[in-house]
Amino acid sequence: MEPNQSPERAATARATADAALPLFERQLDRRAWLCGDRLTITDIVAGSGLGFGRMIAYQVGEAYPNLQRWAKAAMARPGAKPKR
């Protein structure tokens, strides 16, 4: 990561995530993946966005159990595992 990260950009990114997470939580209340019963490119893109959250120390909290379940399932897939 860059040593001189912008606190203002981090704050904006946090606010954007805070506004979007309830939508994802509701969507995942009725299905395993964002667009239905199987993984799609939507899940991959959204998952990568959560991965970028680590750069601003952003974590999905307990208020989002569906999102936590989804993220755990997405990261458990073979394609999500780091290559050595």
C-alpha atoms as a PDB file:
ATOM      1  CA  MET A   1       0.000   0.000   0.000  1.00  0.00           C
ATOM      2  CA  GLU A   2       0.994   3.563  -0.524  1.00  0.00           C
ATOM      3  CA  PRO A   3       2.482   5.156   2.618  1.00  0.00           C
ATOM      4  CA  ASN A   4       0.730   8.494   2.049  1.00  0.00           C
ATOM      5  CA  GLN A   5      -2.928   7.481   1.789  1.00  0.00           C
ATOM      6  CA  SER A   6      -5.445  10.296   1.795  1.00  0.00           C
ATOM      7  CA  PRO A   7      -7.608  10.372   4.959  1.00  0.00           C
ATOM      8  CA  GLU A   8     -10.230  12.328   3.018  1.00  0.00           C
ATOM      9  CA  ARG A   9     -10.495   9.629   0.342  1.00  0.00           C
ATOM     10  CA  ALA A  10     -10.666   6.945   3.008  1.00  0.00           C
ATOM     11  CA  ALA A  11     -13.534   8.799   4.706  1.00  0.00           C
ATOM     12  CA  THR A  12     -15.378   9.107   1.404  1.00  0.00           C
ATOM     13  CA  ALA A  13     -14.875   5.402   0.699  1.00  0.00           C
ATOM     14  CA  ARG A  14     -16.193   4.499   4.165  1.00  0.00           C
ATOM     15  CA  ALA A  15     -19.283   6.669   3.677  1.00  0.00           C
ATOM     16  CA  THR A  16     -19.944   5.089   0.288  1.00  0.00           C
ATOM     17  CA  ALA A  17     -19.645   1.584   1.752  1.00  0.00           C
ATOM     18  CA  ASP A  18     -21.872   2.480   4.692  1.00  0.00           C
ATOM     19  CA  ALA A  19     -24.562   3.643   2.259  1.00  0.00           C
ATOM     20  CA  ALA A  20     -24.303   0.556   0.007  1.00  0.00           C
ATOM     21  CA  LEU A  21     -24.044  -2.276   2.528  1.00  0.00           C
ATOM     22  CA  PRO A  22     -27.729  -2.231   3.574  1.00  0.00           C
ATOM     23  CA  LEU A  23     -28.714  -2.747  -0.073  1.00  0.00           C
ATOM     24  CA  PHE A  24     -26.420  -5.765  -0.394  1.00  0.00           C
ATOM     25  CA  GLU A  25     -27.653  -7.142   2.934  1.00  0.00           C
ATOM     26  CA  ARG A  26     -31.279  -6.997   1.770  1.00  0.00           C
ATOM     27  CA  GLN A  27     -30.416  -8.546  -1.591  1.00  0.00           C
ATOM     28  CA  LEU A  28     -28.635 -11.451   0.107  1.00  0.00           C
ATOM     29  CA  ASP A  29     -31.543 -12.056   2.469  1.00  0.00           C
ATOM     30  CA  ARG A  30     -33.348 -14.007  -0.263  1.00  0.00           C
ATOM     31  CA  ARG A  31     -30.521 -15.680  -2.152  1.00  0.00           C
ATOM     32  CA  ALA A  32     -27.085 -17.237  -1.819  1.00  0.00           C
ATOM     33  CA  TRP A  33     -25.409 -14.894  -4.309  1.00  0.00           C
ATOM     34  CA  LEU A  34     -26.172 -11.337  -5.377  1.00  0.00           C
ATOM     35  CA  CYS A  35     -27.975 -12.300  -8.579  1.00  0.00           C
ATOM     36  CA  GLY A  36     -29.415 -15.695  -7.703  1.00  0.00           C
ATOM     37  CA  ASP A  37     -28.345 -19.196  -6.815  1.00  0.00           C
ATOM     38  CA  ARG A  38     -24.918 -19.159  -8.422  1.00  0.00           C
ATOM     39  CA  LEU A  39     -21.829 -17.007  -8.439  1.00  0.00           C
ATOM     40  CA  THR A  40     -21.760 -14.354 -11.175  1.00  0.00           C
ATOM     41  CA  ILE A  41     -19.434 -11.564 -12.203  1.00  0.00           C
ATOM     42  CA  THR A  42     -21.487  -9.311  -9.909  1.00  0.00           C
ATOM     43  CA  ASP A  43     -20.289 -11.275  -6.880  1.00  0.00           C
ATOM     44  CA  ILE A  44     -16.699 -11.186  -8.060  1.00  0.00           C
ATOM     45  CA  VAL A  45     -16.703  -7.421  -8.587  1.00  0.00           C
ATOM     46  CA  ALA A  46     -18.503  -6.725  -5.312  1.00  0.00           C
ATOM     47  CA  GLY A  47     -16.150  -9.073  -3.482  1.00  0.00           C
ATOM     48  CA  SER A  48     -13.122  -7.302  -4.862  1.00  0.00           C
ATOM     49  CA  GLY A  49     -14.585  -4.051  -3.563  1.00  0.00           C
ATOM     50  CA  LEU A  50     -14.766  -5.506  -0.083  1.00  0.00           C
ATOM     51  CA  GLY A  51     -11.170  -6.620  -0.494  1.00  0.00           C
ATOM     52  CA  PHE A  52     -10.136  -3.044  -1.136  1.00  0.00           C
ATOM     53  CA  GLY A  53     -11.793  -2.156   2.163  1.00  0.00           C
ATOM     54  CA  ARG A  54      -8.780  -3.622   3.925  1.00  0.00           C
ATOM     55  CA  MET A  55      -6.739  -0.657   2.702  1.00  0.00           C
ATOM     56  CA  ILE A  56      -8.866   1.675   4.832  1.00  0.00           C
ATOM     57  CA  ALA A  57      -9.322  -0.856   7.665  1.00  0.00           C
ATOM     58  CA  TYR A  58     -13.007  -1.273   6.776  1.00  0.00           C
ATOM     59  CA  GLN A  59     -14.754  -4.393   7.998  1.00  0.00           C
ATOM     60  CA  VAL A  60     -18.304  -5.599   7.482  1.00  0.00           C
ATOM     61  CA  GLY A  61     -19.856  -5.542  10.935  1.00  0.00           C
ATOM     62  CA  GLU A  62     -22.209  -7.887  12.737  1.00  0.00           C
ATOM     63  CA  ALA A  63     -25.167  -5.834  11.514  1.00  0.00           C
ATOM     64  CA  TYR A  64     -24.718  -7.564   8.139  1.00  0.00           C
ATOM     65  CA  PRO A  65     -24.959 -11.338   8.725  1.00  0.00           C
ATOM     66  CA  ASN A  66     -26.031 -12.072   5.132  1.00  0.00           C
ATOM     67  CA  LEU A  67     -23.116 -10.101   3.745  1.00  0.00           C
ATOM     68  CA  GLN A  68     -20.711 -11.843   6.107  1.00  0.00           C
ATOM     69  CA  ARG A  69     -22.045 -15.240   5.012  1.00  0.00           C
ATOM     70  CA  TRP A  70     -21.746 -14.261   1.350  1.00  0.00           C
ATOM     71  CA  ALA A  71     -18.187 -12.947   1.755  1.00  0.00           C
ATOM     72  CA  LYS A  72     -17.124 -16.118   3.566  1.00  0.00           C
ATOM     73  CA  ALA A  73     -18.625 -18.290   0.800  1.00  0.00           C
ATOM     74  CA  ALA A  74     -17.009 -16.178  -1.921  1.00  0.00           C
ATOM     75  CA  MET A  75     -13.580 -16.368  -0.299  1.00  0.00           C
ATOM     76  CA  ALA A  76     -13.900 -20.141   0.199  1.00  0.00           C
ATOM     77  CA  ARG A  77     -14.121 -20.751  -3.558  1.00  0.00           C
ATOM     78  CA  PRO A  78     -10.973 -22.209  -5.158  1.00  0.00           C
ATOM     79  CA  GLY A  79     -10.562 -19.214  -7.482  1.00  0.00           C
ATOM     80  CA  ALA A  80     -10.355 -16.853  -4.493  1.00  0.00           C
ATOM     81  CA  LYS A  81      -7.444 -18.638  -2.895  1.00  0.00           C
ATOM     82  CA  PRO A  82      -4.036 -16.979  -3.282  1.00  0.00           C
ATOM     83  CA  LYS A  83      -1.695 -18.788  -5.650  1.00  0.00           C
ATOM     84  CA  ARG A  84       1.678 -19.799  -4.251  1.00  0.00           C
END
